[in-house]
Protein backbone atom coordinates (compact mmCIF):
# COMPACT_ATOMS: atom_id res chain seq x y z
CA MET A 1 36.91 139.17 26.47
CA ARG A 2 40.48 140.47 26.51
CA THR A 3 40.01 143.95 28.37
CA PRO A 4 39.05 142.18 31.46
CA ILE A 5 41.80 139.60 31.59
CA ARG A 6 43.45 143.32 30.43
CA LEU A 7 41.84 145.03 33.63
CA THR A 8 42.90 142.03 35.57
CA ALA A 9 46.79 142.66 35.16
CA ILE A 10 46.64 145.83 36.27
CA ALA A 11 44.80 145.86 38.65
CA ALA A 12 47.08 142.88 40.20
CA ALA A 13 50.43 145.26 39.54
CA CYS A 14 49.52 148.29 40.92
CA THR A 15 48.50 145.96 44.34
CA ALA A 16 51.25 144.81 43.87
CA VAL A 17 53.38 148.31 43.49
CA VAL A 18 51.64 150.04 46.08
CA ALA A 19 52.28 146.21 48.67
CA MET A 20 56.09 146.60 47.65
CA SER A 21 56.06 150.90 48.21
CA ALA A 22 54.18 149.81 52.26
CA CYS A 23 56.90 146.73 52.57
CA GLY A 24 59.74 148.91 52.14
CA ALA A 25 57.61 152.01 54.03
CA VAL A 26 57.34 148.86 57.22
CA GLN A 27 61.06 148.38 56.80
CA GLU A 28 62.11 151.82 57.16
CA ALA A 29 60.62 152.06 60.41
CA ALA A 30 61.31 148.68 61.20
CA ASP A 31 65.08 149.66 61.04
CA THR A 32 64.44 153.73 62.38
CA ALA A 33 63.14 151.40 65.22
CA ASN A 34 66.29 149.03 65.60
CA ALA A 35 68.09 152.79 65.65
CA VAL A 36 65.94 154.29 68.50
CA ALA A 37 66.42 151.02 70.18
CA ASP A 38 71.02 150.67 69.82
CA THR A 39 70.34 154.54 70.83
CA ALA A 40 68.00 153.69 74.00
CA THR A 41 71.13 150.46 74.91
CA THR A 42 73.50 151.96 74.27
CA VAL A 43 72.36 155.25 76.53
CA GLN A 44 71.72 152.67 78.86
CA VAL A 45 74.91 151.01 79.11
CA CYS A 46 76.48 153.62 79.44
CA ALA A 47 74.85 154.93 82.08
CA ASP A 48 75.94 152.16 83.47
CA ALA A 49 79.62 151.77 82.43
CA LEU A 50 80.68 155.03 83.89
CA ALA A 51 78.33 153.85 87.65
CA GLY A 52 81.35 150.69 88.03
CA ALA A 53 83.78 153.02 86.23
CA THR A 54 83.31 155.64 89.08
CA ALA A 55 82.60 153.29 92.15
CA ALA A 56 85.02 154.35 94.93
CA LEU A 57 87.73 151.74 96.18
CA ASP A 58 88.84 151.31 99.19
CA THR A 59 91.52 152.78 99.09
CA ALA A 60 92.70 151.23 102.68
CA ALA A 61 92.94 147.89 101.93
CA PRO A 62 94.45 147.40 98.68
CA GLU A 63 93.15 143.19 98.24
CA ARG A 64 90.01 144.54 99.45
CA ALA A 65 89.78 147.56 96.32
CA VAL A 66 91.65 144.99 93.81
CA ASP A 67 89.17 142.57 94.53
CA GLN A 68 85.95 145.43 93.76
CA ALA A 69 88.15 146.45 89.88
CA HIS A 70 88.15 143.29 89.28
CA ASP A 71 84.28 142.65 89.82
CA ALA A 72 84.04 146.20 88.23
CA ALA A 73 85.91 144.46 85.19
CA VAL A 74 83.21 140.86 84.64
CA THR A 75 80.55 144.06 84.37
CA LEU A 76 81.96 146.12 82.28
CA THR A 77 83.06 142.98 79.59
CA ASP A 78 78.95 141.92 80.51
CA LEU A 79 78.49 145.51 79.78
CA ALA A 80 80.69 146.01 77.34
CA SER A 81 79.47 143.19 74.40
CA ARG A 82 75.96 144.16 74.92
CA ALA A 83 77.30 147.96 73.10
CA ALA A 84 75.80 148.40 70.01
CA ASP A 85 78.61 150.83 68.89
CA THR A 86 81.48 149.97 68.28
CA THR A 87 83.61 153.51 69.89
CA VAL A 88 81.89 152.52 72.86
CA ASN A 89 82.15 148.93 73.27
CA GLU A 90 86.28 149.32 72.90
CA ALA A 91 86.34 152.16 75.42
CA ILE A 92 84.68 149.84 78.24
CA ALA A 93 86.29 146.65 77.43
CA ALA A 94 90.10 148.97 77.59
CA LEU A 95 88.28 150.05 81.41
CA ALA A 96 87.90 146.39 81.54
CA THR A 97 91.31 145.54 80.97
CA THR A 98 92.88 147.29 83.21
CA LEU A 99 90.69 147.10 86.33
CA ARG A 100 91.36 143.32 85.49
CA GLU A 101 94.23 143.86 85.80
CA VAL A 102 94.91 145.25 88.73
CA THR A 103 97.50 143.89 91.52
CA VAL A 104 98.22 145.00 95.52
CA GLN A 105 101.68 146.03 93.67
CA ASP A 106 99.69 148.97 91.51
CA LEU A 107 98.21 150.48 93.85
CA VAL A 108 100.64 150.28 96.95
CA GLY A 109 102.90 150.64 94.62
CA ARG A 110 103.08 152.81 92.15
CA PRO A 111 98.96 154.48 92.59
CA ALA A 112 99.18 157.93 90.93
CA GLU A 113 100.26 156.12 87.59
CA TRP A 114 97.04 153.60 88.62
CA VAL A 115 94.75 156.33 88.87
CA ARG A 116 95.74 158.19 85.80
CA VAL A 117 95.31 155.00 83.58
CA LYS A 118 92.33 154.87 84.73
CA ALA A 119 91.04 158.65 84.48
CA ASP A 120 92.51 158.79 80.41
CA GLN A 121 90.22 155.87 80.27
CA VAL A 122 86.81 157.77 82.40
CA ALA A 123 87.93 160.14 80.43
CA ALA A 124 87.51 158.95 77.01
CA LEU A 125 84.15 156.28 77.88
CA THR A 126 82.53 159.03 78.37
CA ALA A 127 83.48 160.85 75.51
CA ALA A 128 82.79 157.79 73.04
CA CYS A 129 79.75 157.79 75.14
CA ALA A 130 78.97 161.61 73.92
CA PRO A 131 76.33 162.47 70.98
């Protein structure tokens, strides 16, 4: 009578090992799917951030340009919060800060300096988004 109990125990142990192996494979597949989703999200966030960052401001109307920059900063801040990659997040956040803090005086009094800073940040964002 002990043989059927042993066989049952061995069968149960084998089933448990197979189930655990399957769980590991399922977890690995889930991790891969999450990594792919993070990459897809990062690509979309980068595309949206670069599109917003390179939009032309209305230089003929500095007040309007400041409003456009502030609106872009809000959008970029939202995108930064969705970036799965820390480097991308930081690059978007830095650019958003520059756009949020721009004033009419920056655009009228020192436009070249402001454009240089923004261009450097767009370059940093582009580098962060590159694979």
